[in-house]
PDB file of N, CA and C in Angstrom:
ATOM      1  N   MET A   1      96.638 366.834 206.348  1.00  0.00           N
ATOM      2  CA  MET A   1      95.670 365.788 206.507  1.00  0.00           C
ATOM      3  C   MET A   1      96.301 364.677 207.347  1.00  0.00           C
ATOM      4  N   ARG A   2      95.515 364.111 208.230  1.00  0.00           N
ATOM      5  CA  ARG A   2      95.955 362.996 209.065  1.00  0.00           C
ATOM      6  C   ARG A   2      95.412 361.700 208.490  1.00  0.00           C
ATOM      7  N   VAL A   3      96.295 360.708 208.403  1.00  0.00           N
ATOM      8  CA  VAL A   3      95.926 359.441 207.782  1.00  0.00           C
ATOM      9  C   VAL A   3      96.307 358.291 208.706  1.00  0.00           C
ATOM     10  N   TYR A   4      95.391 357.357 208.843  1.00  0.00           N
ATOM     11  CA  TYR A   4      95.635 356.137 209.604  1.00  0.00           C
ATOM     12  C   TYR A   4      95.646 354.983 208.609  1.00  0.00           C
ATOM     13  N   LEU A   5      96.788 354.359 208.449  1.00  0.00           N
ATOM     14  CA  LEU A   5      96.929 353.248 207.508  1.00  0.00           C
ATOM     15  C   LEU A   5      96.626 351.922 208.193  1.00  0.00           C
ATOM     16  N   ASP A   6      95.872 351.104 207.538  1.00  0.00           N
ATOM     17  CA  ASP A   6      95.614 349.750 208.005  1.00  0.00           C
ATOM     18  C   ASP A   6      96.935 348.974 208.027  1.00  0.00           C
ATOM     19  N   ASN A   7      97.040 348.039 208.919  1.00  0.00           N
ATOM     20  CA  ASN A   7      98.241 347.216 209.030  1.00  0.00           C
ATOM     21  C   ASN A   7      98.589 346.529 207.706  1.00  0.00           C
ATOM     22  N   ASN A   8      97.569 346.173 206.933  1.00  0.00           N
ATOM     23  CA  ASN A   8      97.815 345.521 205.652  1.00  0.00           C
ATOM     24  C   ASN A   8      98.565 346.426 204.674  1.00  0.00           C
ATOM     25  N   VAL A   9      98.387 347.729 204.789  1.00  0.00           N
ATOM     26  CA  VAL A   9      99.132 348.659 203.932  1.00  0.00           C
ATOM     27  C   VAL A   9     100.609 348.618 204.311  1.00  0.00           C
ATOM     28  N   LEU A  10     100.902 348.550 205.604  1.00  0.00           N
ATOM     29  CA  LEU A  10     102.306 348.432 206.032  1.00  0.00           C
ATOM     30  C   LEU A  10     102.923 347.146 205.490  1.00  0.00           C
ATOM     31  N   ILE A  11     102.170 346.068 205.527  1.00  0.00           N
ATOM     32  CA  ILE A  11     102.655 344.801 204.979  1.00  0.00           C
ATOM     33  C   ILE A  11     102.926 344.943 203.489  1.00  0.00           C
ATOM     34  N   ASP A  12     102.020 345.602 202.774  1.00  0.00           N
ATOM     35  CA  ASP A  12     102.216 345.813 201.338  1.00  0.00           C
ATOM     36  C   ASP A  12     103.446 346.674 201.049  1.00  0.00           C
ATOM     37  N   ILE A  13     103.732 347.636 201.900  1.00  0.00           N
ATOM     38  CA  ILE A  13     104.959 348.433 201.735  1.00  0.00           C
ATOM     39  C   ILE A  13     106.173 347.528 201.925  1.00  0.00           C
ATOM     40  N   GLU A  14     106.134 346.693 202.956  1.00  0.00           N
ATOM     41  CA  GLU A  14     107.244 345.775 203.217  1.00  0.00           C
ATOM     42  C   GLU A  14     107.456 344.799 202.069  1.00  0.00           C
ATOM     43  N   GLU A  15     106.378 344.399 201.424  1.00  0.00           N
ATOM     44  CA  GLU A  15     106.468 343.428 200.333  1.00  0.00           C
ATOM     45  C   GLU A  15     106.588 344.097 198.962  1.00  0.00           C
ATOM     46  N   SER A  16     106.811 345.413 198.962  1.00  0.00           N
ATOM     47  CA  SER A  16     107.021 346.209 197.747  1.00  0.00           C
ATOM     48  C   SER A  16     105.821 346.239 196.805  1.00  0.00           C
ATOM     49  N   VAL A  17     104.636 346.002 197.344  1.00  0.00           N
ATOM     50  CA  VAL A  17     103.424 346.208 196.554  1.00  0.00           C
ATOM     51  C   VAL A  17     103.262 347.710 196.325  1.00  0.00           C
ATOM     52  N   TYR A  18     103.545 348.482 197.383  1.00  0.00           N
ATOM     53  CA  TYR A  18     103.585 349.941 197.316  1.00  0.00           C
ATOM     54  C   TYR A  18     104.977 350.398 197.709  1.00  0.00           C
ATOM     55  N   SER A  19     105.363 351.541 197.219  1.00  0.00           N
ATOM     56  CA  SER A  19     106.639 352.143 197.598  1.00  0.00           C
ATOM     57  C   SER A  19     106.414 353.070 198.791  1.00  0.00           C
ATOM     58  N   LEU A  20     107.321 353.035 199.739  1.00  0.00           N
ATOM     59  CA  LEU A  20     107.252 353.944 200.880  1.00  0.00           C
ATOM     60  C   LEU A  20     107.200 355.385 200.389  1.00  0.00           C
ATOM     61  N   ASN A  21     107.950 355.680 199.344  1.00  0.00           N
ATOM     62  CA  ASN A  21     107.986 357.037 198.806  1.00  0.00           C
ATOM     63  C   ASN A  21     106.622 357.469 198.266  1.00  0.00           C
ATOM     64  N   ASP A  22     105.798 356.511 197.802  1.00  0.00           N
ATOM     65  CA  ASP A  22     104.457 356.852 197.339  1.00  0.00           C
ATOM     66  C   ASP A  22     103.671 357.563 198.441  1.00  0.00           C
ATOM     67  N   PHE A  23     103.905 357.179 199.675  1.00  0.00           N
ATOM     68  CA  PHE A  23     103.198 357.769 200.806  1.00  0.00           C
ATOM     69  C   PHE A  23     103.907 359.021 201.321  1.00  0.00           C
ATOM     70  N   LEU A  24     105.224 358.934 201.447  1.00  0.00           N
ATOM     71  CA  LEU A  24     105.969 360.051 202.028  1.00  0.00           C
ATOM     72  C   LEU A  24     106.048 361.262 201.112  1.00  0.00           C
ATOM     73  N   SER A  25     105.825 361.069 199.825  1.00  0.00           N
ATOM     74  CA  SER A  25     105.921 362.185 198.883  1.00  0.00           C
ATOM     75  C   SER A  25     104.639 363.019 198.811  1.00  0.00           C
ATOM     76  N   ILE A  26     103.594 362.620 199.497  1.00  0.00           N
ATOM     77  CA  ILE A  26     102.339 363.382 199.486  1.00  0.00           C
ATOM     78  C   ILE A  26     102.470 364.525 200.487  1.00  0.00           C
ATOM     79  N   ALA A  27     102.443 365.727 199.981  1.00  0.00           N
ATOM     80  CA  ALA A  27     102.624 366.911 200.827  1.00  0.00           C
ATOM     81  C   ALA A  27     101.467 367.082 201.803  1.00  0.00           C
ATOM     82  N   GLY A  28     101.806 367.486 203.016  1.00  0.00           N
ATOM     83  CA  GLY A  28     100.796 367.815 204.013  1.00  0.00           C
ATOM     84  C   GLY A  28     100.120 366.648 204.691  1.00  0.00           C
ATOM     85  N   VAL A  29     100.640 365.437 204.521  1.00  0.00           N
ATOM     86  CA  VAL A  29     100.014 364.258 205.122  1.00  0.00           C
ATOM     87  C   VAL A  29     100.844 363.799 206.320  1.00  0.00           C
ATOM     88  N   GLU A  30     100.151 363.527 207.422  1.00  0.00           N
ATOM     89  CA  GLU A  30     100.772 362.948 208.607  1.00  0.00           C
ATOM     90  C   GLU A  30     100.166 361.564 208.805  1.00  0.00           C
ATOM     91  N   TYR A  31     101.009 360.561 208.965  1.00  0.00           N
ATOM     92  CA  TYR A  31     100.548 359.189 209.168  1.00  0.00           C
ATOM     93  C   TYR A  31     100.658 358.832 210.635  1.00  0.00           C
ATOM     94  N   TYR A  32      99.675 358.103 211.127  1.00  0.00           N
ATOM     95  CA  TYR A  32      99.621 357.709 212.530  1.00  0.00           C
ATOM     96  C   TYR A  32      99.500 356.199 212.655  1.00  0.00           C
ATOM     97  N   TYR A  33     100.052 355.674 213.739  1.00  0.00           N
ATOM     98  CA  TYR A  33      99.875 354.261 214.071  1.00  0.00           C
ATOM     99  C   TYR A  33      99.132 354.181 215.388  1.00  0.00           C
ATOM    100  N   SER A  34      98.677 352.980 215.737  1.00  0.00           N
ATOM    101  CA  SER A  34      97.905 352.814 216.968  1.00  0.00           C
ATOM    102  C   SER A  34      98.277 351.508 217.652  1.00  0.00           C
ATOM    103  N   ASN A  35      97.628 351.279 218.757  1.00  0.00           N
ATOM    104  CA  ASN A  35      97.815 350.042 219.497  1.00  0.00           C
ATOM    105  C   ASN A  35      97.425 348.830 218.653  1.00  0.00           C
ATOM    106  N   ALA A  36      96.506 349.009 217.722  1.00  0.00           N
ATOM    107  CA  ALA A  36      96.098 347.900 216.851  1.00  0.00           C
ATOM    108  C   ALA A  36      97.286 347.394 216.039  1.00  0.00           C
ATOM    109  N   HIS A  37      98.146 348.290 215.570  1.00  0.00           N
ATOM    110  CA  HIS A  37      99.337 347.876 214.824  1.00  0.00           C
ATOM    111  C   HIS A  37     100.261 347.035 215.710  1.00  0.00           C
ATOM    112  N   ILE A  38     100.445 347.484 216.933  1.00  0.00           N
ATOM    113  CA  ILE A  38     101.325 346.764 217.857  1.00  0.00           C
ATOM    114  C   ILE A  38     100.706 345.423 218.245  1.00  0.00           C
ATOM    115  N   SER A  39      99.400 345.392 218.488  1.00  0.00           N
ATOM    116  CA  SER A  39      98.723 344.133 218.827  1.00  0.00           C
ATOM    117  C   SER A  39      98.850 343.116 217.702  1.00  0.00           C
ATOM    118  N   GLU A  40      98.642 343.564 216.467  1.00  0.00           N
ATOM    119  CA  GLU A  40      98.774 342.649 215.333  1.00  0.00           C
ATOM    120  C   GLU A  40     100.207 342.139 215.208  1.00  0.00           C
ATOM    121  N   LEU A  41     101.158 343.006 215.501  1.00  0.00           N
ATOM    122  CA  LEU A  41     102.558 342.590 215.464  1.00  0.00           C
ATOM    123  C   LEU A  41     102.821 341.521 216.515  1.00  0.00           C
ATOM    124  N   LEU A  42     102.353 341.741 217.728  1.00  0.00           N
ATOM    125  CA  LEU A  42     102.567 340.768 218.798  1.00  0.00           C
ATOM    126  C   LEU A  42     101.870 339.447 218.490  1.00  0.00           C
ATOM    127  N   ASN A  43     100.683 339.510 217.898  1.00  0.00           N
ATOM    128  CA  ASN A  43      99.975 338.283 217.520  1.00  0.00           C
ATOM    129  C   ASN A  43     100.714 337.541 216.413  1.00  0.00           C
ATOM    130  N   GLY A  44     101.369 338.254 215.533  1.00  0.00           N
ATOM    131  CA  GLY A  44     102.093 337.646 214.424  1.00  0.00           C
ATOM    132  C   GLY A  44     103.414 337.041 214.812  1.00  0.00           C
ATOM    133  N   GLU A  45     103.934 337.419 215.965  1.00  0.00           N
ATOM    134  CA  GLU A  45     105.230 336.878 216.386  1.00  0.00           C
ATOM    135  C   GLU A  45     105.191 335.378 216.596  1.00  0.00           C
ATOM    136  N   GLY A  46     104.040 334.837 216.943  1.00  0.00           N
ATOM    137  CA  GLY A  46     103.915 333.406 217.162  1.00  0.00           C
ATOM    138  C   GLY A  46     103.986 332.598 215.875  1.00  0.00           C
ATOM    139  N   LYS A  47     103.950 333.254 214.743  1.00  0.00           N
ATOM    140  CA  LYS A  47     103.999 332.561 213.454  1.00  0.00           C
ATOM    141  C   LYS A  47     105.427 332.292 212.998  1.00  0.00           C
ATOM    142  N   ALA A  48     106.375 332.648 213.817  1.00  0.00           N
ATOM    143  CA  ALA A  48     107.800 332.375 213.559  1.00  0.00           C
ATOM    144  C   ALA A  48     108.272 332.915 212.208  1.00  0.00           C
ATOM    145  N   ILE A  49     107.892 334.145 211.905  1.00  0.00           N
ATOM    146  CA  ILE A  49     108.388 334.796 210.696  1.00  0.00           C
ATOM    147  C   ILE A  49     109.665 335.526 211.083  1.00  0.00           C
ATOM    148  N   PRO A  50     110.798 335.077 210.575  1.00  0.00           N
ATOM    149  CA  PRO A  50     112.073 335.688 210.967  1.00  0.00           C
ATOM    150  C   PRO A  50     112.113 337.181 210.653  1.00  0.00           C
ATOM    151  N   GLY A  51     112.502 337.967 211.650  1.00  0.00           N
ATOM    152  CA  GLY A  51     112.672 339.398 211.473  1.00  0.00           C
ATOM    153  C   GLY A  51     111.388 340.205 211.417  1.00  0.00           C
ATOM    154  N   LEU A  52     110.243 339.581 211.710  1.00  0.00           N
ATOM    155  CA  LEU A  52     108.963 340.284 211.617  1.00  0.00           C
ATOM    156  C   LEU A  52     108.919 341.525 212.502  1.00  0.00           C
ATOM    157  N   LYS A  53     109.275 341.370 213.771  1.00  0.00           N
ATOM    158  CA  LYS A  53     109.186 342.498 214.705  1.00  0.00           C
ATOM    159  C   LYS A  53     110.041 343.659 214.233  1.00  0.00           C
ATOM    160  N   GLU A  54     111.272 343.390 213.877  1.00  0.00           N
ATOM    161  CA  GLU A  54     112.176 344.453 213.446  1.00  0.00           C
ATOM    162  C   GLU A  54     111.672 345.122 212.166  1.00  0.00           C
ATOM    163  N   ARG A  55     111.212 344.313 211.223  1.00  0.00           N
ATOM    164  CA  ARG A  55     110.725 344.845 209.948  1.00  0.00           C
ATOM    165  C   ARG A  55     109.485 345.716 210.157  1.00  0.00           C
ATOM    166  N   ARG A  56     108.538 345.234 210.957  1.00  0.00           N
ATOM    167  CA  ARG A  56     107.297 345.984 211.157  1.00  0.00           C
ATOM    168  C   ARG A  56     107.547 347.277 211.929  1.00  0.00           C
ATOM    169  N   LEU A  57     108.370 347.209 212.970  1.00  0.00           N
ATOM    170  CA  LEU A  57     108.682 348.423 213.721  1.00  0.00           C
ATOM    171  C   LEU A  57     109.417 349.433 212.841  1.00  0.00           C
ATOM    172  N   SER A  58     110.265 348.942 211.971  1.00  0.00           N
ATOM    173  CA  SER A  58     110.958 349.821 211.035  1.00  0.00           C
ATOM    174  C   SER A  58     109.962 350.463 210.065  1.00  0.00           C
ATOM    175  N   SER A  59     109.000 349.702 209.588  1.00  0.00           N
ATOM    176  CA  SER A  59     107.970 350.237 208.680  1.00  0.00           C
ATOM    177  C   SER A  59     107.127 351.295 209.382  1.00  0.00           C
ATOM    178  N   ILE A  60     106.698 350.995 210.595  1.00  0.00           N
ATOM    179  CA  ILE A  60     105.909 351.959 211.363  1.00  0.00           C
ATOM    180  C   ILE A  60     106.708 353.236 211.579  1.00  0.00           C
ATOM    181  N   SER A  61     107.966 353.091 211.945  1.00  0.00           N
ATOM    182  CA  SER A  61     108.815 354.255 212.169  1.00  0.00           C
ATOM    183  C   SER A  61     109.006 355.073 210.901  1.00  0.00           C
ATOM    184  N   ALA A  62     109.231 354.406 209.780  1.00  0.00           N
ATOM    185  CA  ALA A  62     109.467 355.108 208.519  1.00  0.00           C
ATOM    186  C   ALA A  62     108.236 355.863 208.043  1.00  0.00           C
ATOM    187  N   VAL A  63     107.062 355.272 208.222  1.00  0.00           N
ATOM    188  CA  VAL A  63     105.830 355.890 207.726  1.00  0.00           C
ATOM    189  C   VAL A  63     105.267 356.895 208.731  1.00  0.00           C
ATOM    190  N   CYS A  64     105.211 356.512 209.990  1.00  0.00           N
ATOM    191  CA  CYS A  64     104.505 357.315 210.994  1.00  0.00           C
ATOM    192  C   CYS A  64     105.408 358.174 211.864  1.00  0.00           C
ATOM    193  N   CYS A  65     106.701 357.916 211.790  1.00  0.00           N
ATOM    194  CA  CYS A  65     107.650 358.598 212.680  1.00  0.00           C
ATOM    195  C   CYS A  65     107.219 358.347 214.110  1.00  0.00           C
ATOM    196  N   ASN A  66     106.921 359.384 214.844  1.00  0.00           N
ATOM    197  CA  ASN A  66     106.561 359.206 216.248  1.00  0.00           C
ATOM    198  C   ASN A  66     105.119 359.614 216.510  1.00  0.00           C
ATOM    199  N   LYS A  67     104.274 359.500 215.520  1.00  0.00           N
ATOM    200  CA  LYS A  67     102.882 359.942 215.650  1.00  0.00           C
ATOM    201  C   LYS A  67     101.978 358.755 215.982  1.00  0.00           C
ATOM    202  N   TYR A  68     101.345 358.862 217.130  1.00  0.00           N
ATOM    203  CA  TYR A  68     100.551 357.769 217.688  1.00  0.00           C
ATOM    204  C   TYR A  68      99.114 358.230 217.911  1.00  0.00           C
ATOM    205  N   LEU A  69      98.166 357.386 217.564  1.00  0.00           N
ATOM    206  CA  LEU A  69      96.741 357.653 217.713  1.00  0.00           C
ATOM    207  C   LEU A  69      96.203 356.711 218.774  1.00  0.00           C
ATOM    208  N   PHE A  70      95.510 357.262 219.773  1.00  0.00           N
ATOM    209  CA  PHE A  70      94.935 356.369 220.774  1.00  0.00           C
ATOM    210  C   PHE A  70      93.557 356.844 221.191  1.00  0.00           C
ATOM    211  N   GLN A  71      92.755 355.901 221.621  1.00  0.00           N
ATOM    212  CA  GLN A  71      91.403 356.197 222.053  1.00  0.00           C
ATOM    213  C   GLN A  71      91.402 356.352 223.561  1.00  0.00           C
ATOM    214  N   ASP A  72      91.171 357.581 224.001  1.00  0.00           N
ATOM    215  CA  ASP A  72      91.184 357.914 225.421  1.00  0.00           C
ATOM    216  C   ASP A  72      89.929 357.385 226.115  1.00  0.00           C
ATOM    217  N   THR A  73      88.798 357.621 225.513  1.00  0.00           N
ATOM    218  CA  THR A  73      87.506 357.116 225.979  1.00  0.00           C
ATOM    219  C   THR A  73      86.745 356.666 224.729  1.00  0.00           C
ATOM    220  N   PRO A  74      85.596 356.018 224.883  1.00  0.00           N
ATOM    221  CA  PRO A  74      84.868 355.578 223.678  1.00  0.00           C
ATOM    222  C   PRO A  74      84.569 356.691 222.675  1.00  0.00           C
ATOM    223  N   SER A  75      84.486 357.936 223.149  1.00  0.00           N
ATOM    224  CA  SER A  75      84.145 359.019 222.230  1.00  0.00           C
ATOM    225  C   SER A  75      85.289 360.001 221.971  1.00  0.00           C
ATOM    226  N   VAL A  76      86.470 359.754 222.555  1.00  0.00           N
ATOM    227  CA  VAL A  76      87.593 360.692 222.401  1.00  0.00           C
ATOM    228  C   VAL A  76      88.810 359.974 221.841  1.00  0.00           C
ATOM    229  N   ILE A  77      89.249 360.433 220.671  1.00  0.00           N
ATOM    230  CA  ILE A  77      90.475 359.923 220.062  1.00  0.00           C
ATOM    231  C   ILE A  77      91.521 361.023 220.152  1.00  0.00           C
ATOM    232  N   ARG A  78      92.703 360.672 220.608  1.00  0.00           N
ATOM    233  CA  ARG A  78      93.772 361.657 220.789  1.00  0.00           C
ATOM    234  C   ARG A  78      94.964 361.315 219.902  1.00  0.00           C
ATOM    235  N   LEU A  79      95.716 362.353 219.589  1.00  0.00           N
ATOM    236  CA  LEU A  79      96.953 362.213 218.839  1.00  0.00           C
ATOM    237  C   LEU A  79      98.101 362.497 219.786  1.00  0.00           C
ATOM    238  N   ALA A  80      99.173 361.751 219.656  1.00  0.00           N
ATOM    239  CA  ALA A  80     100.317 361.943 220.539  1.00  0.00           C
ATOM    240  C   ALA A  80     101.603 361.766 219.749  1.00  0.00           C
ATOM    241  N   LYS A  81     102.666 362.297 220.305  1.00  0.00           N
ATOM    242  CA  LYS A  81     103.987 362.053 219.746  1.00  0.00           C
ATOM    243  C   LYS A  81     104.758 361.225 220.763  1.00  0.00           C
ATOM    244  N   VAL A  82     105.285 360.124 220.310  1.00  0.00           N
ATOM    245  CA  VAL A  82     106.031 359.223 221.165  1.00  0.00           C
ATOM    246  C   VAL A  82     107.483 359.673 221.154  1.00  0.00           C
ATOM    247  N   HIS A  83     108.027 359.932 222.343  1.00  0.00           N
ATOM    248  CA  HIS A  83     109.393 360.449 222.413  1.00  0.00           C
ATOM    249  C   HIS A  83     110.425 359.404 222.790  1.00  0.00           C
ATOM    250  N   ALA A  84     110.001 358.332 223.416  1.00  0.00           N
ATOM    251  CA  ALA A  84     110.945 357.303 223.840  1.00  0.00           C
ATOM    252  C   ALA A  84     110.604 356.005 223.140  1.00  0.00           C
ATOM    253  N   ARG A  85     111.616 355.263 222.813  1.00  0.00           N
ATOM    254  CA  ARG A  85     111.409 353.963 222.183  1.00  0.00           C
ATOM    255  C   ARG A  85     111.572 352.891 223.246  1.00  0.00           C
ATOM    256  N   THR A  86     110.581 352.025 223.323  1.00  0.00           N
ATOM    257  CA  THR A  86     110.668 350.920 224.271  1.00  0.00           C
ATOM    258  C   THR A  86     110.635 349.621 223.487  1.00  0.00           C
ATOM    259  N   SER A  87     111.125 348.580 224.080  1.00  0.00           N
ATOM    260  CA  SER A  87     111.108 347.294 223.374  1.00  0.00           C
ATOM    261  C   SER A  87     109.837 346.547 223.717  1.00  0.00           C
ATOM    262  N   ILE A  88     109.396 345.732 222.769  1.00  0.00           N
ATOM    263  CA  ILE A  88     108.214 344.911 223.010  1.00  0.00           C
ATOM    264  C   ILE A  88     108.574 343.463 222.803  1.00  0.00           C
TER     265      ILE A  88
END
């Protein structure tokens, strides 16, 4: 099963509301992130939360690995694997 977690779930994992293992221990589930996660991260950087970028990217990496979801056209959603890490 493919699952797209809202950014707020990642925040809850970071704040220990949920355990990362609660998600990773579910057999057969693949988690995906999207540009929305990155956009929210970039918007949050202006709030001067120390370590936000590193923490969020680490959370995305831990939950989603390299699985990325993107909308190719208004009616086509694609799944991709990201092979290179770039800085933002």
